[in-house]
Structures are given as C-alpha cells and as structure tokens.
Amino acid sequence: MTVITVLTRTLFFISGKPWQLSRWAQRQAVLGTIVEGMAIYLPLHLGLGW
C-alpha cells in the first residue's frame, strides 16, 4: 500500500469511528458514517485526483 492510502484510511477511521459510536443508539450510525466518509473522500478525489 502507498503512504497516501494508509493516511487516508487512518483519517477515515479517526473521523468515522467516534461518529458511529456516538450515534449507535439512535440507529443513525451507518448513514452518518457513510456521509462522513464521503465528505472526506470527495475533496480528495475531485481536488487531488486521488
């Protein structure tokens, strides 16, 4: 794996896991985690061509 892939996956985990754990009881965990992940992925994909 490249360094950028490892850093991006780490960023996804650091931002998504607290959201998932805080929203688990309200049953919004999966949708919120997807939205948060896309909020990180889209700027990387569109802006940096990743």
C-alpha atoms as a PDB file:
ATOM      1  CA  MET A   1       0.000   0.000   0.000  1.00  0.00           C
ATOM      2  CA  THR A   2       1.112   3.508  -0.632  1.00  0.00           C
ATOM      3  CA  VAL A   3       1.602   6.072   2.096  1.00  0.00           C
ATOM      4  CA  ILE A   4      -1.347   8.178   0.916  1.00  0.00           C
ATOM      5  CA  THR A   5      -3.659   5.160   1.086  1.00  0.00           C
ATOM      6  CA  VAL A   6      -2.628   4.387   4.645  1.00  0.00           C
ATOM      7  CA  LEU A   7      -3.036   8.029   5.699  1.00  0.00           C
ATOM      8  CA  THR A   8      -6.446   8.302   4.069  1.00  0.00           C
ATOM      9  CA  ARG A   9      -7.737   5.111   5.653  1.00  0.00           C
ATOM     10  CA  THR A  10      -6.451   6.304   9.008  1.00  0.00           C
ATOM     11  CA  LEU A  11      -8.259   9.622   8.522  1.00  0.00           C
ATOM     12  CA  PHE A  12     -11.472   7.779   7.616  1.00  0.00           C
ATOM     13  CA  PHE A  13     -11.189   5.674  10.762  1.00  0.00           C
ATOM     14  CA  ILE A  14     -10.374   8.594  13.068  1.00  0.00           C
ATOM     15  CA  SER A  15     -13.323  10.638  11.843  1.00  0.00           C
ATOM     16  CA  GLY A  16     -15.862   7.851  11.324  1.00  0.00           C
ATOM     17  CA  LYS A  17     -15.484   5.688  14.413  1.00  0.00           C
ATOM     18  CA  PRO A  18     -16.436   8.339  17.034  1.00  0.00           C
ATOM     19  CA  TRP A  19     -19.470   9.267  14.930  1.00  0.00           C
ATOM     20  CA  GLN A  20     -20.528   5.639  14.685  1.00  0.00           C
ATOM     21  CA  LEU A  21     -20.144   5.022  18.411  1.00  0.00           C
ATOM     22  CA  SER A  22     -21.954   8.241  19.401  1.00  0.00           C
ATOM     23  CA  ARG A  23     -24.942   7.586  17.111  1.00  0.00           C
ATOM     24  CA  TRP A  24     -25.288   3.845  17.613  1.00  0.00           C
ATOM     25  CA  ALA A  25     -28.283   4.064  19.977  1.00  0.00           C
ATOM     26  CA  GLN A  26     -30.182   6.365  17.621  1.00  0.00           C
ATOM     27  CA  ARG A  27     -29.740   3.992  14.662  1.00  0.00           C
ATOM     28  CA  GLN A  28     -28.066   6.649  12.536  1.00  0.00           C
ATOM     29  CA  ALA A  29     -24.620   5.101  12.749  1.00  0.00           C
ATOM     30  CA  VAL A  30     -24.364   3.585   9.281  1.00  0.00           C
ATOM     31  CA  LEU A  31     -25.768   6.531   7.326  1.00  0.00           C
ATOM     32  CA  GLY A  32     -23.714   9.051   9.290  1.00  0.00           C
ATOM     33  CA  THR A  33     -20.532   7.067   8.795  1.00  0.00           C
ATOM     34  CA  ILE A  34     -21.161   6.903   5.032  1.00  0.00           C
ATOM     35  CA  VAL A  35     -21.838  10.644   4.839  1.00  0.00           C
ATOM     36  CA  GLU A  36     -18.739  11.455   6.872  1.00  0.00           C
ATOM     37  CA  GLY A  37     -16.587   9.174   4.761  1.00  0.00           C
ATOM     38  CA  MET A  38     -17.842  10.755   1.558  1.00  0.00           C
ATOM     39  CA  ALA A  39     -17.158  14.215   2.990  1.00  0.00           C
ATOM     40  CA  ILE A  40     -13.509  13.201   3.255  1.00  0.00           C
ATOM     41  CA  TYR A  41     -13.308  11.174   0.048  1.00  0.00           C
ATOM     42  CA  LEU A  42     -14.903  13.593  -2.425  1.00  0.00           C
ATOM     43  CA  PRO A  43     -12.479  16.506  -1.869  1.00  0.00           C
ATOM     44  CA  LEU A  44      -9.570  14.081  -2.148  1.00  0.00           C
ATOM     45  CA  HIS A  45     -10.990  12.529  -5.315  1.00  0.00           C
ATOM     46  CA  LEU A  46     -12.108  15.712  -7.050  1.00  0.00           C
ATOM     47  CA  GLY A  47      -9.428  18.085  -5.791  1.00  0.00           C
ATOM     48  CA  LEU A  48      -6.326  15.918  -5.782  1.00  0.00           C
ATOM     49  CA  GLY A  49      -7.348  13.324  -8.353  1.00  0.00           C
ATOM     50  CA  TRP A  50      -6.876  10.537  -5.847  1.00  0.00           C
END
